[in-house]
Amino acid sequence: MSEKPEIKSKDDRTTFSREVGAKAARKLKARRNPTPGVWFGLGMMGLVGWSVVIPTLLGAALGIWLDHRHPGSHSWTLALIVAGLTVGCFNAWHWVAKENREMGKEDNDE
């Protein structure tokens, strides 16, 4: 069985009150902001993935069109796939950094 801690002095009561208050505040914060589940994480991965895939596919489509219209010694398709992939990676990085800043703001506000 658990025993109640003995509170002897006024300082002990103040410390105990602060601890109880901090635990209550954490509990209320957890109820207001529930932990995101597995589906939330999978959705985030999907959004980041699509932010890379879409520019890459657009670059490939434009490259194929340019290769058919203006054939040359170099491949427009390959160049624009690399360009689309680069743009997509920067887009995903920017989006993830923005979400990270917003999560940091929420933590600092509370």
N, C-alpha and C. Protein backbone atom coordinates (compact mmCIF):
# COMPACT_ATOMS: atom_id res chain seq x y z
N MET A 1 0.84 -1.18 0.00
CA MET A 1 0.00 0.00 0.00
C MET A 1 0.89 1.24 0.00
N SER A 2 0.41 2.27 -0.64
CA SER A 2 1.20 3.49 -0.68
C SER A 2 0.89 4.34 0.54
N GLU A 3 1.93 4.95 1.03
CA GLU A 3 1.77 5.81 2.19
C GLU A 3 1.78 7.25 1.73
N LYS A 4 1.02 8.07 2.42
CA LYS A 4 1.01 9.49 2.12
C LYS A 4 2.29 10.12 2.66
N PRO A 5 2.89 11.02 1.88
CA PRO A 5 4.08 11.67 2.40
C PRO A 5 3.70 12.61 3.54
N GLU A 6 4.53 12.63 4.55
CA GLU A 6 4.28 13.53 5.67
C GLU A 6 4.76 14.92 5.29
N ILE A 7 3.92 15.88 5.49
CA ILE A 7 4.25 17.27 5.21
C ILE A 7 4.46 17.94 6.56
N LYS A 8 5.70 18.32 6.81
CA LYS A 8 6.03 18.82 8.14
C LYS A 8 6.09 20.33 8.22
N SER A 9 6.75 20.97 7.28
CA SER A 9 6.92 22.41 7.38
C SER A 9 6.15 23.13 6.28
N LYS A 10 6.11 24.45 6.39
CA LYS A 10 5.41 25.26 5.40
C LYS A 10 6.10 25.17 4.04
N ASP A 11 7.43 25.08 4.02
CA ASP A 11 8.17 24.95 2.77
C ASP A 11 7.82 23.63 2.08
N ASP A 12 7.66 22.56 2.87
CA ASP A 12 7.28 21.27 2.30
C ASP A 12 5.89 21.36 1.68
N ARG A 13 4.98 22.06 2.35
CA ARG A 13 3.62 22.21 1.81
C ARG A 13 3.64 23.01 0.52
N THR A 14 4.46 24.05 0.47
CA THR A 14 4.55 24.87 -0.74
C THR A 14 5.12 24.05 -1.90
N THR A 15 6.16 23.29 -1.64
CA THR A 15 6.77 22.44 -2.67
C THR A 15 5.77 21.40 -3.15
N PHE A 16 5.08 20.79 -2.21
CA PHE A 16 4.08 19.78 -2.56
C PHE A 16 2.96 20.40 -3.40
N SER A 17 2.53 21.58 -3.04
CA SER A 17 1.47 22.27 -3.79
C SER A 17 1.93 22.57 -5.22
N ARG A 18 3.17 22.98 -5.36
CA ARG A 18 3.69 23.27 -6.71
C ARG A 18 3.74 22.01 -7.56
N GLU A 19 4.18 20.90 -6.96
CA GLU A 19 4.25 19.64 -7.70
C GLU A 19 2.86 19.19 -8.14
N VAL A 20 1.90 19.30 -7.23
CA VAL A 20 0.53 18.91 -7.57
C VAL A 20 -0.01 19.82 -8.67
N GLY A 21 0.26 21.11 -8.57
CA GLY A 21 -0.19 22.05 -9.59
C GLY A 21 0.44 21.77 -10.94
N ALA A 22 1.73 21.44 -10.96
CA ALA A 22 2.42 21.15 -12.23
C ALA A 22 1.86 19.88 -12.86
N LYS A 23 1.61 18.85 -12.03
CA LYS A 23 1.05 17.61 -12.58
C LYS A 23 -0.36 17.84 -13.11
N ALA A 24 -1.15 18.64 -12.42
CA ALA A 24 -2.51 18.94 -12.90
C ALA A 24 -2.45 19.71 -14.21
N ALA A 25 -1.52 20.66 -14.32
CA ALA A 25 -1.39 21.43 -15.57
C ALA A 25 -0.99 20.53 -16.72
N ARG A 26 -0.05 19.59 -16.49
CA ARG A 26 0.35 18.66 -17.55
C ARG A 26 -0.82 17.78 -17.98
N LYS A 27 -1.61 17.37 -17.01
CA LYS A 27 -2.75 16.51 -17.32
C LYS A 27 -3.79 17.27 -18.16
N LEU A 28 -4.05 18.52 -17.80
CA LEU A 28 -5.00 19.33 -18.57
C LEU A 28 -4.48 19.60 -19.99
N LYS A 29 -3.17 19.85 -20.10
CA LYS A 29 -2.57 20.08 -21.42
C LYS A 29 -2.69 18.83 -22.29
N ALA A 30 -2.47 17.66 -21.68
CA ALA A 30 -2.58 16.40 -22.43
C ALA A 30 -4.01 16.17 -22.89
N ARG A 31 -4.97 16.57 -22.10
CA ARG A 31 -6.37 16.40 -22.51
C ARG A 31 -6.74 17.36 -23.63
N ARG A 32 -6.21 18.58 -23.59
CA ARG A 32 -6.51 19.57 -24.64
C ARG A 32 -5.83 19.20 -25.95
N ASN A 33 -4.60 18.69 -25.88
CA ASN A 33 -3.80 18.37 -27.06
C ASN A 33 -3.48 16.88 -27.06
N PRO A 34 -4.39 16.05 -27.53
CA PRO A 34 -4.11 14.61 -27.53
C PRO A 34 -2.95 14.28 -28.47
N THR A 35 -2.24 13.24 -28.13
CA THR A 35 -1.11 12.80 -28.94
C THR A 35 -1.61 12.29 -30.29
N PRO A 36 -1.02 12.77 -31.38
CA PRO A 36 -1.45 12.28 -32.70
C PRO A 36 -1.19 10.78 -32.83
N GLY A 37 -2.08 10.12 -33.52
CA GLY A 37 -1.96 8.67 -33.68
C GLY A 37 -1.14 8.27 -34.89
N VAL A 38 -1.17 6.99 -35.15
CA VAL A 38 -0.42 6.42 -36.27
C VAL A 38 -0.92 6.98 -37.59
N TRP A 39 -2.23 7.13 -37.72
CA TRP A 39 -2.79 7.63 -38.98
C TRP A 39 -2.32 9.05 -39.27
N PHE A 40 -2.17 9.86 -38.22
CA PHE A 40 -1.68 11.22 -38.41
C PHE A 40 -0.26 11.18 -38.98
N GLY A 41 0.58 10.32 -38.41
CA GLY A 41 1.96 10.19 -38.90
C GLY A 41 2.02 9.70 -40.34
N LEU A 42 1.17 8.73 -40.66
CA LEU A 42 1.14 8.22 -42.05
C LEU A 42 0.65 9.30 -43.01
N GLY A 43 -0.32 10.09 -42.56
CA GLY A 43 -0.80 11.19 -43.40
C GLY A 43 0.28 12.22 -43.65
N MET A 44 1.07 12.51 -42.60
CA MET A 44 2.16 13.47 -42.76
C MET A 44 3.20 12.94 -43.75
N MET A 45 3.52 11.66 -43.63
CA MET A 45 4.48 11.07 -44.57
C MET A 45 3.94 11.14 -45.99
N GLY A 46 2.64 10.93 -46.14
CA GLY A 46 2.03 11.02 -47.47
C GLY A 46 2.12 12.41 -48.04
N LEU A 47 1.86 13.42 -47.20
CA LEU A 47 1.94 14.81 -47.68
C LEU A 47 3.36 15.17 -48.10
N VAL A 48 4.33 14.76 -47.30
CA VAL A 48 5.73 15.04 -47.65
C VAL A 48 6.10 14.31 -48.93
N GLY A 49 5.65 13.06 -49.05
CA GLY A 49 5.94 12.28 -50.26
C GLY A 49 5.36 12.90 -51.51
N TRP A 50 4.11 13.32 -51.43
CA TRP A 50 3.48 13.93 -52.60
C TRP A 50 4.11 15.28 -52.94
N SER A 51 4.61 16.00 -51.94
CA SER A 51 5.26 17.28 -52.23
C SER A 51 6.56 17.08 -53.00
N VAL A 52 7.12 15.87 -52.96
CA VAL A 52 8.32 15.55 -53.75
C VAL A 52 7.92 14.93 -55.09
N VAL A 53 6.92 14.06 -55.07
CA VAL A 53 6.54 13.31 -56.27
C VAL A 53 5.94 14.22 -57.35
N ILE A 54 5.07 15.12 -56.97
CA ILE A 54 4.38 15.96 -57.97
C ILE A 54 5.37 16.78 -58.81
N PRO A 55 6.29 17.56 -58.21
CA PRO A 55 7.24 18.30 -59.07
C PRO A 55 8.13 17.38 -59.91
N THR A 56 8.47 16.20 -59.37
CA THR A 56 9.30 15.27 -60.13
C THR A 56 8.56 14.75 -61.36
N LEU A 57 7.30 14.38 -61.17
CA LEU A 57 6.50 13.91 -62.32
C LEU A 57 6.23 15.02 -63.32
N LEU A 58 5.99 16.22 -62.84
CA LEU A 58 5.79 17.35 -63.77
C LEU A 58 7.07 17.60 -64.58
N GLY A 59 8.22 17.51 -63.91
CA GLY A 59 9.50 17.67 -64.63
C GLY A 59 9.70 16.58 -65.66
N ALA A 60 9.33 15.35 -65.32
CA ALA A 60 9.47 14.23 -66.27
C ALA A 60 8.54 14.43 -67.47
N ALA A 61 7.31 14.84 -67.20
CA ALA A 61 6.35 15.05 -68.31
C ALA A 61 6.82 16.17 -69.23
N LEU A 62 7.27 17.27 -68.64
CA LEU A 62 7.76 18.38 -69.46
C LEU A 62 9.01 17.96 -70.23
N GLY A 63 9.88 17.18 -69.60
CA GLY A 63 11.09 16.70 -70.26
C GLY A 63 10.80 15.79 -71.44
N ILE A 64 9.84 14.89 -71.26
CA ILE A 64 9.45 13.99 -72.38
C ILE A 64 8.90 14.81 -73.53
N TRP A 65 8.06 15.80 -73.22
CA TRP A 65 7.47 16.64 -74.26
C TRP A 65 8.58 17.40 -75.00
N LEU A 66 9.53 17.98 -74.23
CA LEU A 66 10.63 18.72 -74.87
C LEU A 66 11.53 17.80 -75.69
N ASP A 67 11.78 16.58 -75.22
CA ASP A 67 12.61 15.64 -75.99
C ASP A 67 11.95 15.28 -77.32
N HIS A 68 10.63 15.18 -77.34
CA HIS A 68 9.94 14.88 -78.60
C HIS A 68 9.91 16.10 -79.53
N ARG A 69 9.76 17.27 -78.98
CA ARG A 69 9.68 18.50 -79.79
C ARG A 69 11.04 19.00 -80.25
N HIS A 70 12.03 18.92 -79.35
CA HIS A 70 13.36 19.47 -79.64
C HIS A 70 14.43 18.43 -79.28
N PRO A 71 14.58 17.41 -80.11
CA PRO A 71 15.60 16.40 -79.80
C PRO A 71 17.00 17.02 -79.88
N GLY A 72 17.88 16.56 -79.02
CA GLY A 72 19.24 17.09 -79.00
C GLY A 72 20.20 16.08 -78.42
N SER A 73 21.39 16.56 -78.12
CA SER A 73 22.43 15.66 -77.62
C SER A 73 22.25 15.33 -76.14
N HIS A 74 21.50 16.15 -75.42
CA HIS A 74 21.26 15.86 -74.01
C HIS A 74 19.77 15.58 -73.77
N SER A 75 19.49 14.96 -72.67
CA SER A 75 18.13 14.54 -72.35
C SER A 75 17.44 15.58 -71.46
N TRP A 76 16.40 16.19 -72.04
CA TRP A 76 15.59 17.11 -71.24
C TRP A 76 14.87 16.36 -70.11
N THR A 77 14.48 15.15 -70.38
CA THR A 77 13.74 14.37 -69.38
C THR A 77 14.59 14.17 -68.13
N LEU A 78 15.80 13.74 -68.31
CA LEU A 78 16.68 13.51 -67.16
C LEU A 78 16.96 14.81 -66.40
N ALA A 79 17.23 15.86 -67.12
CA ALA A 79 17.53 17.14 -66.48
C ALA A 79 16.34 17.66 -65.69
N LEU A 80 15.15 17.55 -66.27
CA LEU A 80 13.98 18.08 -65.58
C LEU A 80 13.49 17.16 -64.46
N ILE A 81 13.78 15.87 -64.54
CA ILE A 81 13.49 14.99 -63.40
C ILE A 81 14.35 15.40 -62.21
N VAL A 82 15.64 15.66 -62.46
CA VAL A 82 16.53 16.09 -61.38
C VAL A 82 16.08 17.45 -60.84
N ALA A 83 15.70 18.37 -61.73
CA ALA A 83 15.23 19.68 -61.29
C ALA A 83 13.94 19.54 -60.47
N GLY A 84 13.01 18.72 -60.93
CA GLY A 84 11.75 18.51 -60.19
C GLY A 84 11.99 17.87 -58.84
N LEU A 85 12.92 16.92 -58.79
CA LEU A 85 13.26 16.28 -57.53
C LEU A 85 13.87 17.28 -56.56
N THR A 86 14.72 18.14 -57.06
CA THR A 86 15.35 19.16 -56.22
C THR A 86 14.30 20.13 -55.67
N VAL A 87 13.42 20.60 -56.55
CA VAL A 87 12.35 21.50 -56.11
C VAL A 87 11.45 20.81 -55.10
N GLY A 88 11.11 19.57 -55.34
CA GLY A 88 10.27 18.82 -54.42
C GLY A 88 10.90 18.63 -53.06
N CYS A 89 12.21 18.34 -53.03
CA CYS A 89 12.91 18.16 -51.75
C CYS A 89 12.96 19.47 -50.97
N PHE A 90 13.22 20.58 -51.66
CA PHE A 90 13.20 21.87 -50.97
C PHE A 90 11.80 22.21 -50.47
N ASN A 91 10.79 21.88 -51.26
CA ASN A 91 9.41 22.10 -50.85
C ASN A 91 9.09 21.29 -49.59
N ALA A 92 9.46 20.02 -49.56
CA ALA A 92 9.21 19.17 -48.40
C ALA A 92 9.98 19.68 -47.18
N TRP A 93 11.23 20.07 -47.38
CA TRP A 93 12.04 20.59 -46.28
C TRP A 93 11.41 21.85 -45.70
N HIS A 94 10.96 22.75 -46.57
CA HIS A 94 10.32 23.99 -46.12
C HIS A 94 9.05 23.68 -45.32
N TRP A 95 8.24 22.75 -45.80
CA TRP A 95 6.99 22.41 -45.15
C TRP A 95 7.24 21.78 -43.78
N VAL A 96 8.20 20.86 -43.69
CA VAL A 96 8.51 20.20 -42.42
C VAL A 96 9.09 21.22 -41.43
N ALA A 97 9.94 22.13 -41.89
CA ALA A 97 10.50 23.15 -41.02
C ALA A 97 9.40 24.06 -40.48
N LYS A 98 8.43 24.40 -41.33
CA LYS A 98 7.31 25.24 -40.90
C LYS A 98 6.49 24.54 -39.83
N GLU A 99 6.19 23.26 -40.02
CA GLU A 99 5.43 22.50 -39.03
C GLU A 99 6.21 22.40 -37.72
N ASN A 100 7.52 22.23 -37.80
CA ASN A 100 8.35 22.14 -36.61
C ASN A 100 8.33 23.46 -35.84
N ARG A 101 8.39 24.59 -36.54
CA ARG A 101 8.31 25.89 -35.88
C ARG A 101 6.97 26.07 -35.18
N GLU A 102 5.88 25.67 -35.84
CA GLU A 102 4.56 25.80 -35.24
C GLU A 102 4.42 24.93 -34.00
N MET A 103 4.98 23.71 -34.03
CA MET A 103 4.93 22.85 -32.86
C MET A 103 5.77 23.44 -31.73
N GLY A 104 6.88 24.06 -32.06
CA GLY A 104 7.71 24.72 -31.05
C GLY A 104 7.01 25.90 -30.42
N LYS A 105 6.26 26.65 -31.22
CA LYS A 105 5.50 27.78 -30.70
C LYS A 105 4.44 27.31 -29.70
N GLU A 106 3.76 26.21 -30.02
CA GLU A 106 2.75 25.68 -29.11
C GLU A 106 3.37 25.28 -27.78
N ASP A 107 4.54 24.66 -27.84
CA ASP A 107 5.21 24.25 -26.61
C ASP A 107 5.64 25.46 -25.79
N ASN A 108 6.12 26.51 -26.46
CA ASN A 108 6.56 27.71 -25.74
C ASN A 108 5.40 28.50 -25.17
N ASP A 109 4.25 28.48 -25.85
CA ASP A 109 3.08 29.21 -25.36
C ASP A 109 2.56 28.63 -24.07
N GLU A 110 2.73 27.34 -23.90
CA GLU A 110 2.20 26.69 -22.71
C GLU A 110 3.30 26.51 -21.74
